[in-house]
Amino acid sequence: MLSLVLAGVVVVLATALVMVFAGQKRLARRLVAASGRLSQDIEPLGSGLAEATSVVERAVDRAVLGGGDGSMAEMRLASAFGGIPQGVVVFDHLGTMAFRNEVAAGYLEARHGDVLVEEAIVEQARLVTVARDGLPPQTIELFGPPRRTLVLTATPLRQGIRRLGALVVVDDVTDRRRLEAVRRDFVANISHELKTPVGALALLAETLLVEDDVQVAHRLTERILTEAFRVGRTIDDLLELSRLEADDETRRDEVPVHPVLSEGVDRVRPAAEQQGIAVEVEEPPKRLVVLGDRRQLVSAIYNLLDNAVKYSDRGSSVHVRARTDGRWVDIEVEDHGIGIPRRDLERVFERFYRVDRARSRETGGTGLGLAIVRHVASNHGGDVQVDSAEGEGSTFTLRLPVGAGPVAVSVEAG
């Protein structure tokens, strides 16, 4: 009886072992098949479970490493696109947005006028995907404020004849267009400013050649000198403006305000006396100083005074004073002349812009003086402002950083 029981136990154990072995074989085959889906480059070492497990481990390692390389490449690409100033949007073959950098996100997530940009991006991507030869760049004008000009360039993404999607680049060319407009205006203005006196010089010289009357010849010579001085002043102002624009590192010396005002007044006094205009200076404290370049500061003060004298009525006066709040020094030049219309207040610091062109021709103004003042203020980390009433006069205020000294703690000086 016992022998029969033992025989039965042996049969059961044998059957169980067979079943376990068969299950391991099936599991090994499944693991090998799975490893083949992970990596086609892995060959199994054997048919056992241990060998199959090893195959899977190596296949998983290969897949993880490959995925890591892909992730790193994607991160590097995203970082590169994030470092450029243009907006970049990538679409897949179904027209779905697959990638956008931060600049493009600003257009795609914006409201109001920028919604037009999002619509244009999507439309350009759709059109370029089906186009044979690509599309010309599209220009979009956003009237703001602020006013901006955007250029959209769409490029199809293909692999052979297979269409993979589209790339759309959004370039903000507002500053570029503004600089181009400034350059065109500058060339046109300087050509006009030089052509007029040069033409006058030629005409006067031709007339002088055939003139026998001494008095007439004397008058013609005086006119030639006047026009020659006008050309010379225009060239000098252009050179000064060019130096200011190229001066990236303005000196930061402690410059006393008193001698700067005195030198500017001395330079303009002959022209003021010729026009019968009095220049009155409220003497600032001797210890009041500003941080900057003395030559540039004298140039700015002179041009403010010269502008005030030119646009003042004969017999009137120009006042100059300096004040400080402890952080800034405000140098004010006040006249009682023709004033500036409100529509022109924002443009008086532009090159060659004149409120009264007829008067500028009479006084020989170049239209560059206030542009020079603005550049001097910018180079010193300051500002220049104007307050004016038409028919009553104008007050220009040049604001500069105060230098060290006992005046720096006072509320007002001068």
Protein backbone atom coordinates (compact mmCIF):
# COMPACT_ATOMS: atom_id res chain seq x y z
CA MET A 1 0.00 0.00 0.00
CA LEU A 2 2.84 2.35 0.96
CA SER A 3 4.62 1.61 -2.29
CA LEU A 4 1.54 2.59 -4.25
CA VAL A 5 1.37 5.94 -2.39
CA LEU A 6 5.05 6.66 -3.06
CA ALA A 7 4.63 5.84 -6.70
CA GLY A 8 1.71 8.25 -6.94
CA VAL A 9 3.72 11.06 -5.29
CA VAL A 10 6.58 10.50 -7.74
CA VAL A 11 4.19 10.67 -10.68
CA VAL A 12 2.66 13.91 -9.36
CA LEU A 13 6.08 15.50 -8.80
CA ALA A 14 7.28 14.44 -12.20
CA THR A 15 4.16 15.86 -13.80
CA ALA A 16 4.62 19.13 -11.90
CA LEU A 17 8.25 19.39 -12.95
CA VAL A 18 7.30 18.78 -16.56
CA MET A 19 4.64 21.46 -16.35
CA VAL A 20 7.05 23.94 -14.71
CA PHE A 21 9.71 23.23 -17.34
CA ALA A 22 7.16 23.67 -20.12
CA GLY A 23 5.98 26.97 -18.58
CA GLN A 24 9.54 28.22 -18.41
CA LYS A 25 10.03 27.35 -22.07
CA ARG A 26 6.89 29.25 -23.03
CA LEU A 27 7.94 32.20 -20.83
CA ALA A 28 11.42 32.17 -22.34
CA ARG A 29 9.97 32.22 -25.84
CA ARG A 30 7.74 35.18 -24.92
CA LEU A 31 10.66 37.08 -23.42
CA VAL A 32 12.79 36.52 -26.51
CA ALA A 33 9.94 37.71 -28.74
CA ALA A 34 9.51 40.84 -26.61
CA SER A 35 13.24 41.57 -26.77
CA GLY A 36 13.03 41.37 -30.55
CA ARG A 37 10.40 44.13 -30.53
CA LEU A 38 12.66 46.29 -28.34
CA SER A 39 15.77 45.84 -30.44
CA GLN A 40 16.31 44.06 -33.72
CA ASP A 41 20.06 43.90 -33.06
CA ILE A 42 19.84 41.49 -30.08
CA GLU A 43 20.23 37.78 -30.75
CA PRO A 44 19.21 35.23 -28.05
CA LEU A 45 22.02 33.25 -26.38
CA GLY A 46 19.92 30.18 -25.77
CA SER A 47 16.43 28.89 -25.14
CA GLY A 48 16.53 28.87 -21.34
CA LEU A 49 14.77 31.30 -19.04
CA ALA A 50 18.00 32.75 -17.71
CA GLU A 51 19.33 33.34 -21.22
CA ALA A 52 16.02 34.89 -22.32
CA THR A 53 16.05 37.20 -19.28
CA SER A 54 19.56 38.31 -20.20
CA VAL A 55 18.42 39.05 -23.74
CA VAL A 56 15.56 41.20 -22.47
CA GLU A 57 17.82 43.11 -20.10
CA ARG A 58 20.23 43.96 -22.90
CA ALA A 59 17.40 44.97 -25.23
CA VAL A 60 15.89 47.25 -22.58
CA ASP A 61 19.28 48.84 -21.92
CA ARG A 62 19.75 49.47 -25.63
CA ALA A 63 16.28 51.01 -25.95
CA VAL A 64 16.72 53.22 -22.87
CA LEU A 65 20.07 54.47 -24.09
CA GLY A 66 18.66 55.18 -27.54
CA GLY A 67 15.68 56.99 -26.05
CA GLY A 68 18.03 59.00 -23.86
CA ASP A 69 20.04 60.12 -26.89
CA GLY A 70 16.83 61.16 -28.60
CA SER A 71 15.66 63.08 -25.55
CA MET A 72 19.00 64.85 -25.25
CA ALA A 73 18.92 65.77 -28.93
CA GLU A 74 15.39 67.13 -28.55
CA MET A 75 16.43 69.14 -25.49
CA ARG A 76 19.42 70.60 -27.33
CA LEU A 77 17.23 71.51 -30.28
CA ALA A 78 14.64 73.19 -28.06
CA SER A 79 17.39 75.09 -26.23
CA ALA A 80 18.87 76.27 -29.53
CA PHE A 81 15.50 77.50 -30.80
CA GLY A 82 14.90 79.20 -27.47
CA GLY A 83 18.06 81.23 -27.87
CA ILE A 84 17.14 82.93 -31.15
CA PRO A 85 15.04 86.11 -31.37
CA GLN A 86 12.68 84.73 -34.04
CA GLY A 87 9.56 82.72 -33.33
CA VAL A 88 9.79 79.10 -34.55
CA VAL A 89 6.76 76.81 -35.01
CA VAL A 90 6.94 73.21 -36.32
CA PHE A 91 3.88 71.35 -37.64
CA ASP A 92 3.61 67.62 -38.33
CA HIS A 93 2.20 66.04 -41.51
CA LEU A 94 -1.35 66.25 -40.11
CA GLY A 95 -1.08 70.00 -39.56
CA THR A 96 -0.83 69.64 -35.79
CA MET A 97 1.54 71.95 -33.96
CA ALA A 98 4.43 69.77 -32.74
CA PHE A 99 6.85 72.39 -31.38
CA ARG A 100 7.11 76.11 -30.67
CA ASN A 101 9.77 78.16 -28.93
CA GLU A 102 9.08 80.80 -26.30
CA VAL A 103 9.02 83.68 -28.77
CA ALA A 104 6.40 81.94 -30.90
CA ALA A 105 4.39 81.10 -27.78
CA GLY A 106 4.07 84.84 -27.17
CA TYR A 107 2.23 85.20 -30.48
CA LEU A 108 0.17 82.03 -30.17
CA GLU A 109 -1.05 82.73 -26.63
CA ALA A 110 -1.67 86.45 -27.09
CA ARG A 111 -4.93 88.24 -27.51
CA HIS A 112 -6.21 91.17 -29.54
CA GLY A 113 -4.01 92.03 -32.56
CA ASP A 114 -1.60 89.12 -32.12
CA VAL A 115 -4.46 86.71 -32.82
CA LEU A 116 -3.96 87.65 -36.48
CA VAL A 117 -0.41 86.33 -36.20
CA GLU A 118 -1.58 82.95 -34.90
CA GLU A 119 -4.09 82.62 -37.72
CA ALA A 120 -1.45 83.58 -40.27
CA ILE A 121 1.03 81.03 -38.86
CA VAL A 122 -1.47 78.19 -39.11
CA GLU A 123 -2.55 79.25 -42.60
CA GLN A 124 1.03 79.53 -43.86
CA ALA A 125 1.81 76.05 -42.52
CA ARG A 126 -1.24 74.62 -44.28
CA LEU A 127 -0.45 76.29 -47.59
CA VAL A 128 3.25 75.45 -47.66
CA THR A 129 2.56 71.78 -46.91
CA VAL A 130 0.68 71.39 -50.19
CA ALA A 131 2.67 73.92 -52.23
CA ARG A 132 5.19 72.66 -54.75
CA ASP A 133 7.71 75.48 -54.72
CA GLY A 134 7.18 77.03 -51.30
CA LEU A 135 5.61 80.38 -50.47
CA PRO A 136 6.95 83.96 -50.51
CA PRO A 137 7.35 85.60 -47.07
CA GLN A 138 4.20 87.19 -45.69
CA THR A 139 4.35 90.62 -44.02
CA ILE A 140 1.91 91.48 -41.23
CA GLU A 141 1.44 95.03 -39.93
CA LEU A 142 0.21 95.30 -36.34
CA PHE A 143 -0.93 98.82 -35.58
CA GLY A 144 -0.55 98.34 -31.82
CA PRO A 145 0.23 100.20 -29.80
CA PRO A 146 3.09 99.71 -30.21
CA ARG A 147 3.15 99.40 -33.97
CA ARG A 148 5.06 96.34 -35.20
CA THR A 149 5.98 94.69 -38.47
CA LEU A 150 6.30 90.89 -38.65
CA VAL A 151 7.52 88.71 -41.51
CA LEU A 152 6.37 85.06 -41.69
CA THR A 153 8.50 82.58 -43.65
CA ALA A 154 7.09 79.07 -44.15
CA THR A 155 9.21 76.12 -45.30
CA PRO A 156 7.94 72.59 -46.11
CA LEU A 157 9.58 69.67 -44.30
CA ARG A 158 10.07 66.69 -46.62
CA GLN A 159 12.01 63.46 -46.81
CA GLY A 160 12.22 62.72 -50.49
CA ILE A 161 8.64 62.89 -51.71
CA ARG A 162 7.26 62.20 -48.26
CA ARG A 163 5.74 65.24 -46.52
CA LEU A 164 6.75 65.48 -42.87
CA GLY A 165 5.19 68.85 -41.99
CA ALA A 166 6.09 72.51 -42.08
CA LEU A 167 8.36 75.05 -40.39
CA VAL A 168 7.16 78.63 -39.85
CA VAL A 169 9.57 81.37 -38.69
CA VAL A 170 8.19 84.67 -37.34
CA ASP A 171 10.66 87.57 -37.54
CA ASP A 172 9.92 90.93 -35.87
CA VAL A 173 11.49 93.46 -38.25
CA THR A 174 10.05 96.57 -36.59
CA ASP A 175 13.39 98.01 -35.46
CA ARG A 176 15.01 97.07 -38.76
CA ARG A 177 12.33 98.89 -40.76
CA ARG A 178 12.56 101.89 -38.44
CA LEU A 179 16.32 102.09 -38.90
CA GLU A 180 15.92 101.83 -42.66
CA ALA A 181 13.41 104.69 -42.58
CA VAL A 182 15.77 106.79 -40.44
CA ARG A 183 18.63 106.08 -42.84
CA ARG A 184 16.53 107.05 -45.89
CA ASP A 185 15.35 110.24 -44.18
CA PHE A 186 18.89 111.07 -43.12
CA VAL A 187 20.27 110.68 -46.65
CA ALA A 188 17.41 112.72 -48.09
CA ASN A 189 17.76 115.46 -45.48
CA ILE A 190 21.52 115.79 -45.64
CA SER A 191 21.39 115.84 -49.43
CA HIS A 192 18.87 118.69 -49.25
CA GLU A 193 20.79 120.58 -46.54
CA LEU A 194 24.03 120.47 -48.49
CA LYS A 195 22.56 120.91 -51.95
CA THR A 196 20.92 124.25 -51.11
CA PRO A 197 24.03 126.14 -49.90
CA VAL A 198 26.33 124.46 -52.44
CA GLY A 199 23.97 125.51 -55.22
CA ALA A 200 23.88 129.02 -53.82
CA LEU A 201 27.68 129.11 -53.69
CA ALA A 202 27.93 128.11 -57.34
CA LEU A 203 25.37 130.71 -58.42
CA LEU A 204 26.99 133.48 -56.37
CA ALA A 205 30.43 132.62 -57.72
CA GLU A 206 29.20 132.69 -61.33
CA THR A 207 27.58 136.09 -60.72
CA LEU A 208 30.72 137.42 -59.06
CA LEU A 209 32.84 136.47 -62.08
CA VAL A 210 30.99 138.89 -64.35
CA GLU A 211 30.24 141.61 -61.79
CA ASP A 212 32.14 144.89 -62.20
CA ASP A 213 30.41 146.90 -59.48
CA VAL A 214 32.59 146.81 -56.37
CA GLN A 215 29.70 147.22 -53.93
CA VAL A 216 27.70 144.43 -55.56
CA ALA A 217 30.78 142.23 -55.61
CA HIS A 218 31.28 142.93 -51.90
CA ARG A 219 27.70 141.87 -51.13
CA LEU A 220 28.08 138.74 -53.22
CA THR A 221 31.28 137.89 -51.36
CA GLU A 222 29.51 138.28 -48.02
CA ARG A 223 26.77 135.93 -49.22
CA ILE A 224 29.39 133.41 -50.31
CA LEU A 225 30.98 133.55 -46.86
CA THR A 226 27.58 133.07 -45.22
CA GLU A 227 26.74 130.02 -47.31
CA ALA A 228 30.24 128.59 -46.79
CA PHE A 229 29.86 128.96 -43.02
CA ARG A 230 26.48 127.26 -43.28
CA VAL A 231 28.02 124.26 -45.05
CA GLY A 232 30.83 124.17 -42.53
CA ARG A 233 28.44 124.21 -39.57
CA THR A 234 26.38 121.41 -41.06
CA ILE A 235 29.49 119.27 -41.53
CA ASP A 236 30.75 120.09 -38.03
CA ASP A 237 27.41 119.14 -36.49
CA LEU A 238 27.34 115.90 -38.47
CA LEU A 239 30.83 115.02 -37.25
CA GLU A 240 29.88 115.87 -33.67
CA LEU A 241 26.73 113.73 -33.89
CA SER A 242 28.76 110.88 -35.38
CA ARG A 243 31.28 111.08 -32.53
CA LEU A 244 28.49 111.02 -29.94
CA GLU A 245 26.84 107.98 -31.51
CA ALA A 246 30.16 106.13 -31.69
CA ASP A 247 31.14 107.03 -28.11
CA ASP A 248 30.07 103.85 -26.32
CA GLU A 249 32.03 104.62 -23.16
CA THR A 250 31.44 108.23 -22.14
CA ARG A 251 33.86 109.49 -19.50
CA ARG A 252 32.46 109.71 -16.00
CA ASP A 253 34.49 112.52 -14.45
CA GLU A 254 33.18 114.89 -11.81
CA VAL A 255 32.53 118.03 -13.87
CA PRO A 256 31.63 121.32 -12.09
CA VAL A 257 28.41 122.77 -13.50
CA HIS A 258 29.46 126.43 -13.16
CA PRO A 259 32.29 126.45 -15.76
CA VAL A 260 30.26 124.29 -18.16
CA LEU A 261 27.45 126.88 -18.16
CA SER A 262 29.92 129.74 -18.47
CA GLU A 263 31.67 128.18 -21.47
CA GLY A 264 28.36 127.45 -23.23
CA VAL A 265 27.18 131.03 -22.63
CA ASP A 266 30.49 132.50 -23.87
CA ARG A 267 30.20 130.54 -27.12
CA VAL A 268 26.67 131.72 -27.85
CA ARG A 269 27.00 135.32 -26.64
CA PRO A 270 28.23 136.83 -29.97
CA ALA A 271 25.18 135.47 -31.82
CA ALA A 272 22.89 136.61 -29.00
CA GLU A 273 24.32 140.16 -29.03
CA GLN A 274 23.94 140.31 -32.80
CA GLN A 275 20.23 139.48 -32.38
CA GLY A 276 19.84 141.86 -29.44
CA ILE A 277 19.03 139.01 -27.02
CA ALA A 278 20.23 139.00 -23.42
CA VAL A 279 21.49 135.74 -21.91
CA GLU A 280 20.92 135.73 -18.14
CA VAL A 281 22.56 133.07 -15.97
CA GLU A 282 21.54 132.17 -12.43
CA GLU A 283 24.92 131.23 -11.03
CA PRO A 284 24.92 127.71 -9.56
CA PRO A 285 27.00 126.88 -6.47
CA LYS A 286 30.67 126.35 -7.26
CA ARG A 287 30.57 122.92 -5.58
CA LEU A 288 27.69 121.57 -7.73
CA VAL A 289 29.10 118.82 -9.99
CA VAL A 290 27.75 116.24 -12.44
CA LEU A 291 29.20 112.96 -13.70
CA GLY A 292 30.18 113.04 -17.34
CA ASP A 293 32.34 114.27 -20.18
CA ARG A 294 33.05 118.02 -20.09
CA ARG A 295 33.37 118.42 -23.87
CA GLN A 296 30.02 116.73 -24.52
CA LEU A 297 28.30 118.70 -21.77
CA VAL A 298 29.54 122.04 -23.10
CA SER A 299 28.33 121.03 -26.57
CA ALA A 300 24.87 120.20 -25.20
CA ILE A 301 24.57 123.50 -23.26
CA TYR A 302 25.74 125.50 -26.26
CA ASN A 303 23.23 123.84 -28.59
CA LEU A 304 20.37 124.46 -26.14
CA LEU A 305 21.35 128.13 -25.88
CA ASP A 306 21.90 128.46 -29.64
CA ASN A 307 18.44 127.02 -30.27
CA ALA A 308 16.90 129.41 -27.72
CA VAL A 309 18.60 132.44 -29.31
CA LYS A 310 17.57 131.45 -32.84
CA TYR A 311 13.89 131.18 -31.95
CA SER A 312 13.68 134.21 -29.64
CA ASP A 313 12.39 137.59 -30.68
CA ARG A 314 14.81 140.50 -30.89
CA GLY A 315 15.08 142.32 -27.58
CA SER A 316 13.93 139.32 -25.49
CA SER A 317 16.01 137.27 -23.04
CA VAL A 318 17.18 133.71 -22.42
CA HIS A 319 17.53 132.36 -18.88
CA VAL A 320 19.88 129.57 -17.76
CA ARG A 321 19.83 127.89 -14.33
CA ALA A 322 20.78 124.62 -12.63
CA ARG A 323 18.89 122.79 -9.88
CA THR A 324 19.40 119.51 -8.03
CA ASP A 325 17.31 117.16 -5.89
CA GLY A 326 20.34 115.28 -4.59
CA ARG A 327 20.24 112.59 -7.29
CA TRP A 328 19.91 114.57 -10.51
CA VAL A 329 21.02 117.97 -11.77
CA ASP A 330 18.49 119.74 -14.00
CA ILE A 331 19.98 122.40 -16.30
CA GLU A 332 17.16 124.57 -17.67
CA VAL A 333 17.30 126.90 -20.66
CA GLU A 334 14.23 129.12 -20.93
CA ASP A 335 13.36 131.48 -23.76
CA HIS A 336 10.45 133.78 -24.53
CA GLY A 337 10.32 133.19 -28.25
CA ILE A 338 7.85 131.74 -30.72
CA GLY A 339 7.27 128.50 -28.79
CA ILE A 340 6.62 125.05 -30.20
CA PRO A 341 3.22 123.71 -31.33
CA ARG A 342 2.04 120.70 -29.35
CA ARG A 343 2.09 118.48 -32.46
CA ASP A 344 5.84 119.11 -32.83
CA LEU A 345 6.96 118.56 -29.23
CA GLU A 346 7.80 114.88 -29.72
CA ARG A 347 9.78 115.49 -32.91
CA VAL A 348 11.98 118.48 -32.10
CA PHE A 349 14.87 116.17 -31.12
CA GLU A 350 14.90 114.40 -34.49
CA ARG A 351 17.68 115.13 -36.95
CA PHE A 352 16.94 117.99 -39.35
CA TYR A 353 13.44 118.47 -37.95
CA ARG A 354 12.48 122.14 -37.76
CA VAL A 355 9.36 123.76 -36.41
CA ASP A 356 9.87 126.87 -38.56
CA ARG A 357 11.94 126.10 -41.66
CA ALA A 358 11.79 129.66 -42.96
CA ARG A 359 13.28 131.01 -39.74
CA SER A 360 15.94 128.31 -39.73
CA ARG A 361 17.09 129.38 -43.17
CA GLU A 362 17.35 132.98 -41.97
CA THR A 363 19.34 132.06 -38.86
CA GLY A 364 21.50 129.38 -40.52
CA GLY A 365 20.33 126.51 -38.32
CA THR A 366 21.36 122.99 -39.33
CA GLY A 367 18.53 121.11 -37.59
CA LEU A 368 21.05 118.93 -35.71
CA GLY A 369 21.52 120.87 -32.48
CA LEU A 370 18.73 119.27 -30.44
CA ALA A 371 19.62 115.82 -31.79
CA ILE A 372 23.12 116.40 -30.39
CA VAL A 373 21.63 117.35 -27.02
CA ARG A 374 19.56 114.18 -26.93
CA HIS A 375 22.60 112.00 -27.67
CA VAL A 376 24.63 113.73 -24.95
CA ALA A 377 21.84 113.11 -22.45
CA SER A 378 21.60 109.46 -23.50
CA ASN A 379 25.37 108.96 -23.27
CA HIS A 380 25.30 110.26 -19.69
CA GLY A 381 22.36 108.12 -18.57
CA GLY A 382 20.17 111.23 -18.38
CA ASP A 383 17.32 112.77 -20.33
CA VAL A 384 16.22 115.96 -22.07
CA GLN A 385 12.67 117.31 -22.04
CA VAL A 386 10.85 120.33 -23.37
CA ASP A 387 7.90 122.31 -22.06
CA SER A 388 6.52 124.87 -24.47
CA ALA A 389 3.52 127.03 -25.25
CA GLU A 390 3.09 128.43 -28.74
CA GLY A 391 3.68 132.17 -28.78
CA GLU A 392 5.00 132.23 -25.19
CA GLY A 393 8.34 130.43 -25.28
CA SER A 394 10.00 127.14 -24.39
CA THR A 395 11.95 125.59 -21.52
CA PHE A 396 14.40 122.78 -22.26
CA THR A 397 15.61 120.70 -19.29
CA LEU A 398 18.78 118.63 -19.50
CA ARG A 399 18.83 116.08 -16.66
CA LEU A 400 22.20 114.61 -15.62
CA PRO A 401 23.34 112.37 -12.75
CA VAL A 402 24.75 114.38 -9.84
CA GLY A 403 28.33 113.94 -8.74
CA ALA A 404 29.63 113.45 -5.21
CA GLY A 405 29.77 116.49 -2.95
CA PRO A 406 27.94 118.40 -0.25
CA VAL A 407 25.36 119.77 -2.70
CA ALA A 408 24.15 116.24 -3.42
CA VAL A 409 22.09 116.22 -0.20
CA SER A 410 20.37 119.56 -0.77
CA VAL A 411 16.84 119.83 -2.11
CA GLU A 412 17.51 122.70 -4.50
CA ALA A 413 20.54 124.59 -5.64
CA GLY A 414 20.99 127.62 -7.82
